[in-house]
Amino acid sequence: RYIMLTTPASPQLFNEDNPFSPVAWFRTAYRRQVDGVEVQEAPSLSLLPEAEAVQEYVMGSLLLVEQKYRMISQRASSIGPHMAVRSALSSPGGTI
């Protein structure tokens, strides 16, 4: 069994036997400074070998997480960000 912990920037999949080290994770695109120049880093998906057996579930879960955060973002624009954040925090993850 696996546990998916979600944040807008980096959903992570953990083996239930080792909840401290992710076996799969997604990193969204982000900007950073390199020698005074702003660089755009591409999004990336990382899978350790033990997660390859469930990679289809990982991809499906990441799509659902992305959809959830897009819906929360749309909701925030209509009801205010404090209510959307409260909704997001009420369901931090799930199991596969």
C-alpha atoms as a PDB file:
ATOM      1  CA  ARG A   1       0.000   0.000   0.000  1.00  0.00           C
ATOM      2  CA  TYR A   2       1.016   3.552  -0.680  1.00  0.00           C
ATOM      3  CA  ILE A   3       0.165   6.924   0.809  1.00  0.00           C
ATOM      4  CA  MET A   4      -0.213  10.047  -1.338  1.00  0.00           C
ATOM      5  CA  LEU A   5       0.547  13.329   0.420  1.00  0.00           C
ATOM      6  CA  THR A   6      -0.470  16.357  -1.559  1.00  0.00           C
ATOM      7  CA  THR A   7       0.606  19.959  -1.642  1.00  0.00           C
ATOM      8  CA  PRO A   8       0.114  22.340  -4.546  1.00  0.00           C
ATOM      9  CA  ALA A   9       3.840  22.388  -5.298  1.00  0.00           C
ATOM     10  CA  SER A  10       4.814  18.768  -4.765  1.00  0.00           C
ATOM     11  CA  PRO A  11       2.505  15.774  -4.380  1.00  0.00           C
ATOM     12  CA  GLN A  12       4.468  12.779  -3.081  1.00  0.00           C
ATOM     13  CA  LEU A  13       3.838   9.033  -2.914  1.00  0.00           C
ATOM     14  CA  PHE A  14       5.186   7.054   0.032  1.00  0.00           C
ATOM     15  CA  ASN A  15       5.329   3.338   0.683  1.00  0.00           C
ATOM     16  CA  GLU A  16       3.185   2.703   3.762  1.00  0.00           C
ATOM     17  CA  ASP A  17       6.108   0.786   5.307  1.00  0.00           C
ATOM     18  CA  ASN A  18       8.402   3.827   4.968  1.00  0.00           C
ATOM     19  CA  PRO A  19       6.399   7.064   5.253  1.00  0.00           C
ATOM     20  CA  PHE A  20       9.550   9.214   5.505  1.00  0.00           C
ATOM     21  CA  SER A  21      11.058   8.735   2.043  1.00  0.00           C
ATOM     22  CA  PRO A  22       8.923   9.235  -1.087  1.00  0.00           C
ATOM     23  CA  VAL A  23       9.015   6.650  -3.897  1.00  0.00           C
ATOM     24  CA  ALA A  24       7.463   9.094  -6.390  1.00  0.00           C
ATOM     25  CA  TRP A  25       7.024  12.853  -6.442  1.00  0.00           C
ATOM     26  CA  PHE A  26       6.078  15.667  -8.765  1.00  0.00           C
ATOM     27  CA  ARG A  27       7.684  19.088  -8.763  1.00  0.00           C
ATOM     28  CA  THR A  28       5.868  21.944 -10.458  1.00  0.00           C
ATOM     29  CA  ALA A  29       7.647  24.459 -12.647  1.00  0.00           C
ATOM     30  CA  TYR A  30       9.347  27.179 -10.647  1.00  0.00           C
ATOM     31  CA  ARG A  31      11.649  30.146 -11.037  1.00  0.00           C
ATOM     32  CA  ARG A  32      14.994  30.582  -9.343  1.00  0.00           C
ATOM     33  CA  GLN A  33      17.992  32.884  -9.520  1.00  0.00           C
ATOM     34  CA  VAL A  34      21.257  31.567 -11.000  1.00  0.00           C
ATOM     35  CA  ASP A  35      24.141  34.038 -11.007  1.00  0.00           C
ATOM     36  CA  GLY A  36      21.675  36.909 -10.869  1.00  0.00           C
ATOM     37  CA  VAL A  37      19.619  35.616 -13.796  1.00  0.00           C
ATOM     38  CA  GLU A  38      16.086  34.300 -13.341  1.00  0.00           C
ATOM     39  CA  VAL A  39      15.781  30.736 -14.681  1.00  0.00           C
ATOM     40  CA  GLN A  40      12.516  28.844 -15.282  1.00  0.00           C
ATOM     41  CA  GLU A  41      12.799  25.212 -14.162  1.00  0.00           C
ATOM     42  CA  ALA A  42      10.557  22.712 -15.947  1.00  0.00           C
ATOM     43  CA  PRO A  43       8.117  20.517 -14.012  1.00  0.00           C
ATOM     44  CA  SER A  44       9.342  16.989 -13.331  1.00  0.00           C
ATOM     45  CA  LEU A  45       8.048  13.608 -12.211  1.00  0.00           C
ATOM     46  CA  SER A  46      10.436  11.312 -10.354  1.00  0.00           C
ATOM     47  CA  LEU A  47       9.833   7.601  -9.736  1.00  0.00           C
ATOM     48  CA  LEU A  48      12.101   5.284  -7.796  1.00  0.00           C
ATOM     49  CA  PRO A  49      12.292   1.696  -9.109  1.00  0.00           C
ATOM     50  CA  GLU A  50       9.879   0.398  -6.452  1.00  0.00           C
ATOM     51  CA  ALA A  51       7.177   2.788  -7.718  1.00  0.00           C
ATOM     52  CA  GLU A  52       7.320   1.557 -11.319  1.00  0.00           C
ATOM     53  CA  ALA A  53       4.775  -1.171 -10.555  1.00  0.00           C
ATOM     54  CA  VAL A  54       2.183   1.488  -9.690  1.00  0.00           C
ATOM     55  CA  GLN A  55       3.210   4.233 -12.122  1.00  0.00           C
ATOM     56  CA  GLU A  56      -0.228   4.269 -13.793  1.00  0.00           C
ATOM     57  CA  TYR A  57      -1.830   4.949 -10.408  1.00  0.00           C
ATOM     58  CA  VAL A  58       0.760   7.634  -9.705  1.00  0.00           C
ATOM     59  CA  MET A  59      -0.053   9.408 -12.978  1.00  0.00           C
ATOM     60  CA  GLY A  60      -3.803   9.149 -12.361  1.00  0.00           C
ATOM     61  CA  SER A  61      -3.418  10.422  -8.807  1.00  0.00           C
ATOM     62  CA  LEU A  62      -1.324  13.381  -9.953  1.00  0.00           C
ATOM     63  CA  LEU A  63      -3.972  14.310 -12.510  1.00  0.00           C
ATOM     64  CA  LEU A  64      -6.625  14.217  -9.802  1.00  0.00           C
ATOM     65  CA  VAL A  65      -4.476  16.304  -7.451  1.00  0.00           C
ATOM     66  CA  GLU A  66      -3.894  18.887 -10.174  1.00  0.00           C
ATOM     67  CA  GLN A  67      -7.617  19.033 -10.925  1.00  0.00           C
ATOM     68  CA  LYS A  68      -8.371  19.471  -7.219  1.00  0.00           C
ATOM     69  CA  TYR A  69      -5.978  22.406  -6.845  1.00  0.00           C
ATOM     70  CA  ARG A  70      -7.268  24.062 -10.020  1.00  0.00           C
ATOM     71  CA  MET A  71     -10.801  23.802  -8.662  1.00  0.00           C
ATOM     72  CA  ILE A  72      -9.647  25.230  -5.321  1.00  0.00           C
ATOM     73  CA  SER A  73      -7.908  28.065  -7.132  1.00  0.00           C
ATOM     74  CA  GLN A  74     -11.056  28.885  -9.100  1.00  0.00           C
ATOM     75  CA  ARG A  75     -13.096  28.695  -5.916  1.00  0.00           C
ATOM     76  CA  ALA A  76     -10.654  31.015  -4.140  1.00  0.00           C
ATOM     77  CA  SER A  77     -11.165  33.665  -6.768  1.00  0.00           C
ATOM     78  CA  SER A  78     -14.928  33.588  -6.185  1.00  0.00           C
ATOM     79  CA  ILE A  79     -15.169  33.140  -2.369  1.00  0.00           C
ATOM     80  CA  GLY A  80     -11.838  34.418  -1.052  1.00  0.00           C
ATOM     81  CA  PRO A  81      -8.514  32.611  -0.520  1.00  0.00           C
ATOM     82  CA  HIS A  82      -8.950  31.940   3.213  1.00  0.00           C
ATOM     83  CA  MET A  83     -11.951  29.642   2.617  1.00  0.00           C
ATOM     84  CA  ALA A  84     -10.249  27.741  -0.216  1.00  0.00           C
ATOM     85  CA  VAL A  85      -7.129  27.113   1.872  1.00  0.00           C
ATOM     86  CA  ARG A  86      -9.274  25.765   4.701  1.00  0.00           C
ATOM     87  CA  SER A  87     -10.934  23.340   2.238  1.00  0.00           C
ATOM     88  CA  ALA A  88      -7.573  22.210   0.866  1.00  0.00           C
ATOM     89  CA  LEU A  89      -6.166  21.520   4.319  1.00  0.00           C
ATOM     90  CA  SER A  90      -9.123  19.375   5.312  1.00  0.00           C
ATOM     91  CA  SER A  91      -8.096  16.540   2.951  1.00  0.00           C
ATOM     92  CA  PRO A  92      -4.290  16.276   2.724  1.00  0.00           C
ATOM     93  CA  GLY A  93      -3.942  12.885   1.072  1.00  0.00           C
ATOM     94  CA  GLY A  94      -5.160   9.360   0.570  1.00  0.00           C
ATOM     95  CA  THR A  95      -4.025   5.791   0.118  1.00  0.00           C
ATOM     96  CA  ILE A  96      -3.596   3.664  -2.974  1.00  0.00           C
END
